[in-house]
């Protein structure tokens, strides 16, 4: 098995001991993205929808660096500190994903890094290389 770290300057730098993504053969495991602006490493301004959009923008940047895009994602996990935001996430996802949508889990959590209220990670499949 080959294992390659993926990095994009268009997504926030890792803030711990992890890679933005790891490609293992034709499977890419994208680490959790929170709503940080990659230029400033600060949480984006605006309400929950703006933060959710930044999360998907960050995932898209890492997916692109790995040779794919959001439509290559087969499994998505969304972490929310308030499950009342679930409907908003669904609406935002309609702007970022096309059918067939990825398999998904939405998990309510007590807290997330940097005090944010949304995070998402993903598994992406690429064409065999």
N, C-alpha and C. Protein backbone atom coordinates (compact mmCIF):
# COMPACT_ATOMS: atom_id res chain seq x y z
N UNK A 1 0.84 -1.18 0.00
CA UNK A 1 0.00 0.00 0.00
C UNK A 1 0.88 1.23 0.00
N UNK A 2 0.54 2.19 -0.84
CA UNK A 2 1.22 3.48 -0.81
C UNK A 2 0.40 4.44 0.04
N UNK A 3 1.09 5.32 0.72
CA UNK A 3 0.43 6.30 1.59
C UNK A 3 1.09 7.65 1.34
N UNK A 4 0.26 8.65 0.97
CA UNK A 4 0.79 9.97 0.61
C UNK A 4 0.02 11.05 1.36
N UNK A 5 0.74 11.97 1.98
CA UNK A 5 0.11 13.11 2.64
C UNK A 5 -0.30 14.12 1.57
N UNK A 6 -1.47 14.70 1.74
CA UNK A 6 -2.01 15.71 0.84
C UNK A 6 -2.01 17.05 1.57
N UNK A 7 -1.63 18.10 0.84
CA UNK A 7 -1.64 19.45 1.44
C UNK A 7 -2.14 20.46 0.42
N UNK A 8 -2.94 21.40 0.89
CA UNK A 8 -3.39 22.52 0.08
C UNK A 8 -3.19 23.81 0.86
N UNK A 9 -2.61 24.81 0.21
CA UNK A 9 -2.50 26.13 0.82
C UNK A 9 -3.85 26.85 0.83
N UNK A 10 -4.84 26.30 0.11
CA UNK A 10 -6.17 26.88 0.03
C UNK A 10 -7.10 26.38 1.13
N UNK A 11 -6.56 25.61 2.05
CA UNK A 11 -7.29 25.14 3.23
C UNK A 11 -6.43 25.42 4.44
N UNK A 12 -7.03 25.50 5.61
CA UNK A 12 -6.24 25.79 6.81
C UNK A 12 -5.14 24.75 7.03
N UNK A 13 -4.00 25.22 7.46
CA UNK A 13 -2.91 24.31 7.82
C UNK A 13 -3.34 23.46 9.01
N UNK A 14 -2.79 22.27 9.09
CA UNK A 14 -3.08 21.40 10.23
C UNK A 14 -2.68 22.10 11.52
N UNK A 15 -3.53 22.00 12.53
CA UNK A 15 -3.24 22.64 13.81
C UNK A 15 -2.90 21.58 14.86
N UNK A 16 -2.40 20.46 14.40
CA UNK A 16 -2.02 19.37 15.31
C UNK A 16 -1.20 18.35 14.56
N UNK A 17 -1.10 17.19 15.13
CA UNK A 17 -0.29 16.11 14.55
C UNK A 17 -1.12 15.28 13.58
N UNK A 18 -1.47 15.89 12.47
CA UNK A 18 -2.23 15.19 11.44
C UNK A 18 -1.97 15.87 10.09
N UNK A 19 -2.36 15.19 9.02
CA UNK A 19 -2.28 15.73 7.67
C UNK A 19 -3.65 16.22 7.26
N UNK A 20 -3.71 17.15 6.32
CA UNK A 20 -5.02 17.59 5.81
C UNK A 20 -5.77 16.42 5.19
N UNK A 21 -5.03 15.52 4.56
CA UNK A 21 -5.60 14.30 4.01
C UNK A 21 -4.48 13.29 3.79
N UNK A 22 -4.87 12.04 3.71
CA UNK A 22 -3.95 10.95 3.37
C UNK A 22 -4.56 10.17 2.22
N UNK A 23 -3.75 9.99 1.18
CA UNK A 23 -4.17 9.15 0.06
C UNK A 23 -3.52 7.79 0.23
N UNK A 24 -4.34 6.75 0.24
CA UNK A 24 -3.88 5.37 0.31
C UNK A 24 -4.44 4.67 -0.92
N UNK A 25 -3.57 4.47 -1.91
CA UNK A 25 -3.99 3.95 -3.22
C UNK A 25 -5.02 4.92 -3.80
N UNK A 26 -6.25 4.47 -4.06
CA UNK A 26 -7.23 5.39 -4.67
C UNK A 26 -8.27 5.89 -3.65
N UNK A 27 -7.99 5.74 -2.37
CA UNK A 27 -8.89 6.23 -1.33
C UNK A 27 -8.20 7.40 -0.62
N UNK A 28 -8.95 8.47 -0.43
CA UNK A 28 -8.41 9.64 0.27
C UNK A 28 -9.24 9.88 1.52
N UNK A 29 -8.56 9.98 2.64
CA UNK A 29 -9.19 10.25 3.93
C UNK A 29 -8.92 11.72 4.26
N UNK A 30 -9.98 12.53 4.22
CA UNK A 30 -9.84 13.97 4.48
C UNK A 30 -10.09 14.25 5.95
N UNK A 31 -9.12 14.88 6.58
CA UNK A 31 -9.26 15.23 8.00
C UNK A 31 -10.38 16.24 8.20
N UNK A 32 -10.83 16.33 9.43
CA UNK A 32 -11.89 17.27 9.76
C UNK A 32 -11.49 18.70 9.44
N UNK A 33 -12.43 19.41 8.83
CA UNK A 33 -12.24 20.83 8.53
C UNK A 33 -13.22 21.65 9.36
N UNK A 34 -12.70 22.69 9.96
CA UNK A 34 -13.54 23.63 10.69
C UNK A 34 -13.56 24.95 9.91
N UNK A 35 -14.40 25.89 10.28
CA UNK A 35 -14.56 27.11 9.47
C UNK A 35 -13.47 28.15 9.66
N UNK A 36 -12.23 27.73 9.39
CA UNK A 36 -11.11 28.67 9.46
C UNK A 36 -10.82 29.21 8.07
N UNK A 37 -10.54 30.51 8.01
CA UNK A 37 -10.05 31.12 6.78
C UNK A 37 -8.59 30.70 6.65
N UNK A 38 -8.21 30.05 5.55
CA UNK A 38 -6.82 29.58 5.44
C UNK A 38 -5.79 30.70 5.43
N UNK A 39 -6.16 31.89 5.04
CA UNK A 39 -5.21 33.01 4.99
C UNK A 39 -4.90 33.54 6.38
N UNK A 40 -5.90 33.53 7.27
CA UNK A 40 -5.72 34.13 8.59
C UNK A 40 -5.70 33.11 9.72
N UNK A 41 -6.18 31.90 9.42
CA UNK A 41 -6.34 30.84 10.43
C UNK A 41 -7.28 31.27 11.55
N UNK A 42 -8.19 32.19 11.23
CA UNK A 42 -9.22 32.63 12.16
C UNK A 42 -10.57 32.11 11.69
N UNK A 43 -11.50 31.94 12.63
CA UNK A 43 -12.86 31.52 12.30
C UNK A 43 -13.51 32.61 11.45
N UNK A 44 -14.19 32.21 10.38
CA UNK A 44 -14.80 33.19 9.49
C UNK A 44 -15.91 33.96 10.20
N UNK A 45 -16.13 35.20 9.76
CA UNK A 45 -17.21 36.03 10.28
C UNK A 45 -18.53 35.56 9.71
N UNK A 46 -19.62 35.92 10.37
CA UNK A 46 -20.95 35.59 9.87
C UNK A 46 -21.62 34.56 10.74
N UNK A 47 -22.80 34.17 10.31
CA UNK A 47 -23.59 33.22 11.06
C UNK A 47 -23.23 31.77 10.75
N UNK A 48 -24.07 30.88 11.24
CA UNK A 48 -23.80 29.45 11.07
C UNK A 48 -23.66 29.07 9.60
N UNK A 49 -24.52 29.59 8.73
CA UNK A 49 -24.44 29.22 7.31
C UNK A 49 -23.08 29.59 6.72
N UNK A 50 -22.56 30.76 7.05
CA UNK A 50 -21.24 31.17 6.55
C UNK A 50 -20.16 30.22 7.04
N UNK A 51 -20.27 29.78 8.29
CA UNK A 51 -19.28 28.85 8.83
C UNK A 51 -19.39 27.49 8.14
N UNK A 52 -20.61 27.02 7.90
CA UNK A 52 -20.79 25.74 7.21
C UNK A 52 -20.21 25.82 5.80
N UNK A 53 -20.45 26.91 5.11
CA UNK A 53 -19.90 27.08 3.75
C UNK A 53 -18.37 27.06 3.76
N UNK A 54 -17.76 27.68 4.76
CA UNK A 54 -16.29 27.66 4.84
C UNK A 54 -15.78 26.24 5.06
N UNK A 55 -16.49 25.46 5.86
CA UNK A 55 -16.10 24.06 6.07
C UNK A 55 -16.07 23.32 4.73
N UNK A 56 -17.12 23.48 3.91
CA UNK A 56 -17.18 22.78 2.64
C UNK A 56 -16.19 23.37 1.63
N UNK A 57 -15.92 24.67 1.70
CA UNK A 57 -14.88 25.26 0.86
C UNK A 57 -13.52 24.64 1.20
N UNK A 58 -13.26 24.47 2.50
CA UNK A 58 -11.99 23.89 2.93
C UNK A 58 -11.89 22.43 2.48
N UNK A 59 -12.97 21.67 2.64
CA UNK A 59 -12.95 20.28 2.17
C UNK A 59 -12.71 20.23 0.67
N UNK A 60 -13.35 21.11 -0.07
CA UNK A 60 -13.19 21.14 -1.53
C UNK A 60 -11.73 21.41 -1.91
N UNK A 61 -11.07 22.31 -1.21
CA UNK A 61 -9.68 22.65 -1.51
C UNK A 61 -8.77 21.44 -1.29
N UNK A 62 -9.00 20.72 -0.21
CA UNK A 62 -8.18 19.53 0.07
C UNK A 62 -8.50 18.43 -0.94
N UNK A 63 -9.78 18.26 -1.26
CA UNK A 63 -10.16 17.25 -2.26
C UNK A 63 -9.48 17.54 -3.58
N UNK A 64 -9.46 18.80 -3.99
CA UNK A 64 -8.82 19.19 -5.25
C UNK A 64 -7.32 18.91 -5.22
N UNK A 65 -6.68 19.21 -4.09
CA UNK A 65 -5.24 18.95 -3.97
C UNK A 65 -4.93 17.46 -4.09
N UNK A 66 -5.90 16.63 -3.73
CA UNK A 66 -5.73 15.18 -3.81
C UNK A 66 -6.08 14.62 -5.18
N UNK A 67 -6.58 15.48 -6.08
CA UNK A 67 -6.93 15.02 -7.41
C UNK A 67 -8.40 14.71 -7.61
N UNK A 68 -9.24 15.15 -6.70
CA UNK A 68 -10.67 14.90 -6.81
C UNK A 68 -11.47 16.17 -6.62
N UNK A 69 -12.71 15.98 -6.23
CA UNK A 69 -13.60 17.11 -5.93
C UNK A 69 -14.67 16.61 -4.97
N UNK A 70 -15.57 17.47 -4.58
CA UNK A 70 -16.59 17.06 -3.61
C UNK A 70 -17.46 15.93 -4.13
N UNK A 71 -17.66 15.85 -5.44
CA UNK A 71 -18.47 14.76 -5.98
C UNK A 71 -17.75 13.41 -5.92
N UNK A 72 -16.46 13.42 -5.59
CA UNK A 72 -15.72 12.18 -5.40
C UNK A 72 -15.88 11.64 -3.98
N UNK A 73 -16.49 12.43 -3.10
CA UNK A 73 -16.67 12.01 -1.70
C UNK A 73 -17.77 10.96 -1.63
N UNK A 74 -17.45 9.85 -0.96
CA UNK A 74 -18.42 8.77 -0.80
C UNK A 74 -18.98 8.70 0.62
N UNK A 75 -18.26 9.27 1.59
CA UNK A 75 -18.72 9.26 2.98
C UNK A 75 -18.35 10.58 3.62
N UNK A 76 -19.32 11.20 4.25
CA UNK A 76 -19.15 12.50 4.90
C UNK A 76 -19.67 12.39 6.32
N UNK A 77 -18.91 12.94 7.25
CA UNK A 77 -19.38 13.03 8.63
C UNK A 77 -19.38 14.50 9.03
N UNK A 78 -20.51 14.97 9.51
CA UNK A 78 -20.66 16.35 9.96
C UNK A 78 -20.84 16.33 11.47
N UNK A 79 -20.06 17.13 12.15
CA UNK A 79 -20.13 17.25 13.61
C UNK A 79 -20.73 18.60 13.94
N UNK A 80 -21.76 18.60 14.78
CA UNK A 80 -22.48 19.83 15.14
C UNK A 80 -22.59 19.94 16.65
N UNK A 81 -22.35 21.13 17.18
CA UNK A 81 -22.56 21.34 18.61
C UNK A 81 -24.02 21.64 18.91
N UNK A 82 -24.80 21.92 17.88
CA UNK A 82 -26.23 22.19 18.03
C UNK A 82 -26.97 21.52 16.86
N UNK A 83 -27.66 20.43 17.14
CA UNK A 83 -28.35 19.70 16.07
C UNK A 83 -29.51 20.49 15.46
N UNK A 84 -29.86 21.62 16.07
CA UNK A 84 -30.86 22.49 15.43
C UNK A 84 -30.32 23.09 14.13
N UNK A 85 -29.01 23.02 13.90
CA UNK A 85 -28.40 23.51 12.66
C UNK A 85 -28.41 22.47 11.55
N UNK A 86 -28.97 21.31 11.80
CA UNK A 86 -28.99 20.21 10.83
C UNK A 86 -29.65 20.63 9.51
N UNK A 87 -30.78 21.30 9.57
CA UNK A 87 -31.48 21.72 8.35
C UNK A 87 -30.64 22.71 7.54
N UNK A 88 -29.92 23.59 8.21
CA UNK A 88 -29.07 24.54 7.51
C UNK A 88 -27.94 23.80 6.79
N UNK A 89 -27.35 22.81 7.44
CA UNK A 89 -26.30 22.02 6.79
C UNK A 89 -26.86 21.36 5.54
N UNK A 90 -28.06 20.81 5.62
CA UNK A 90 -28.67 20.18 4.44
C UNK A 90 -28.80 21.18 3.30
N UNK A 91 -29.25 22.38 3.60
CA UNK A 91 -29.40 23.41 2.58
C UNK A 91 -28.07 23.81 1.96
N UNK A 92 -27.05 23.95 2.78
CA UNK A 92 -25.72 24.30 2.27
C UNK A 92 -25.19 23.17 1.41
N UNK A 93 -25.39 21.93 1.84
CA UNK A 93 -24.89 20.79 1.07
C UNK A 93 -25.48 20.74 -0.34
N UNK A 94 -26.72 21.19 -0.49
CA UNK A 94 -27.34 21.19 -1.82
C UNK A 94 -26.57 22.08 -2.80
N UNK A 95 -25.87 23.09 -2.29
CA UNK A 95 -25.07 23.97 -3.13
C UNK A 95 -23.69 23.39 -3.45
N UNK A 96 -23.25 22.41 -2.68
CA UNK A 96 -21.90 21.87 -2.84
C UNK A 96 -21.86 20.47 -3.43
N UNK A 97 -22.92 19.70 -3.29
CA UNK A 97 -22.93 18.30 -3.72
C UNK A 97 -24.04 18.06 -4.72
N UNK A 98 -23.80 17.12 -5.63
CA UNK A 98 -24.82 16.69 -6.57
C UNK A 98 -25.22 15.26 -6.24
N UNK A 99 -26.40 14.87 -6.68
CA UNK A 99 -26.83 13.48 -6.49
C UNK A 99 -26.03 12.58 -7.40
N UNK A 100 -25.71 11.38 -6.99
CA UNK A 100 -26.05 10.82 -5.69
C UNK A 100 -25.17 11.44 -4.59
N UNK A 101 -25.83 11.88 -3.53
CA UNK A 101 -25.12 12.48 -2.41
C UNK A 101 -24.28 11.42 -1.71
N UNK A 102 -23.23 11.85 -1.01
CA UNK A 102 -22.43 10.87 -0.27
C UNK A 102 -23.23 10.29 0.90
N UNK A 103 -22.83 9.11 1.32
CA UNK A 103 -23.36 8.60 2.59
C UNK A 103 -22.92 9.60 3.66
N UNK A 104 -23.74 9.78 4.70
CA UNK A 104 -23.43 10.84 5.67
C UNK A 104 -23.91 10.47 7.05
N UNK A 105 -23.18 10.93 8.02
CA UNK A 105 -23.62 10.90 9.41
C UNK A 105 -23.54 12.32 9.94
N UNK A 106 -24.49 12.70 10.75
CA UNK A 106 -24.46 13.98 11.46
C UNK A 106 -24.42 13.63 12.95
N UNK A 107 -23.40 14.12 13.61
CA UNK A 107 -23.15 13.74 14.99
C UNK A 107 -23.19 14.97 15.87
N UNK A 108 -24.01 14.92 16.91
CA UNK A 108 -24.05 15.99 17.89
C UNK A 108 -22.91 15.81 18.88
N UNK A 109 -22.14 16.86 19.11
CA UNK A 109 -20.99 16.80 20.00
C UNK A 109 -21.05 17.96 21.00
N UNK A 110 -20.35 17.80 22.10
CA UNK A 110 -20.34 18.84 23.14
C UNK A 110 -19.49 20.04 22.75
N UNK A 111 -18.38 19.78 22.06
CA UNK A 111 -17.46 20.88 21.72
C UNK A 111 -16.60 20.46 20.52
N UNK A 112 -16.07 21.48 19.84
CA UNK A 112 -15.18 21.27 18.70
C UNK A 112 -13.97 22.19 18.85
N UNK A 113 -12.88 21.92 18.11
CA UNK A 113 -11.69 22.77 18.22
C UNK A 113 -12.00 24.24 17.98
N UNK A 114 -11.27 25.08 18.69
CA UNK A 114 -11.37 26.54 18.58
C UNK A 114 -12.78 27.06 18.89
N UNK A 115 -13.61 26.25 19.54
CA UNK A 115 -14.94 26.69 19.94
C UNK A 115 -15.94 26.80 18.81
N UNK A 116 -15.64 26.22 17.64
CA UNK A 116 -16.56 26.31 16.50
C UNK A 116 -17.76 25.40 16.71
N UNK A 117 -18.76 25.57 15.85
CA UNK A 117 -19.99 24.79 15.99
C UNK A 117 -20.22 23.79 14.87
N UNK A 118 -19.26 23.68 13.93
CA UNK A 118 -19.41 22.73 12.83
C UNK A 118 -18.03 22.27 12.35
N UNK A 119 -17.96 21.00 12.02
CA UNK A 119 -16.76 20.39 11.45
C UNK A 119 -17.21 19.26 10.55
N UNK A 120 -16.44 18.96 9.53
CA UNK A 120 -16.77 17.82 8.65
C UNK A 120 -15.49 17.16 8.20
N UNK A 121 -15.54 15.82 8.13
CA UNK A 121 -14.46 15.06 7.51
C UNK A 121 -15.08 14.15 6.46
N UNK A 122 -14.24 13.52 5.65
CA UNK A 122 -14.78 12.78 4.52
C UNK A 122 -13.84 11.68 4.07
N UNK A 123 -14.41 10.76 3.30
CA UNK A 123 -13.66 9.74 2.58
C UNK A 123 -14.01 9.91 1.11
N UNK A 124 -12.95 9.93 0.29
CA UNK A 124 -13.12 10.20 -1.14
C UNK A 124 -12.47 9.06 -1.93
N UNK A 125 -13.13 8.67 -3.01
CA UNK A 125 -12.60 7.66 -3.92
C UNK A 125 -12.14 8.34 -5.20
N UNK A 126 -10.95 7.99 -5.66
CA UNK A 126 -10.43 8.50 -6.92
C UNK A 126 -10.39 7.38 -7.94
N UNK A 127 -10.31 7.75 -9.20
CA UNK A 127 -10.11 6.74 -10.23
C UNK A 127 -8.83 6.00 -9.95
N UNK A 128 -8.81 4.75 -10.28
CA UNK A 128 -7.58 3.97 -10.06
C UNK A 128 -6.42 4.58 -10.83
N UNK A 129 -5.26 4.60 -10.19
CA UNK A 129 -4.09 5.16 -10.85
C UNK A 129 -3.04 4.10 -11.08
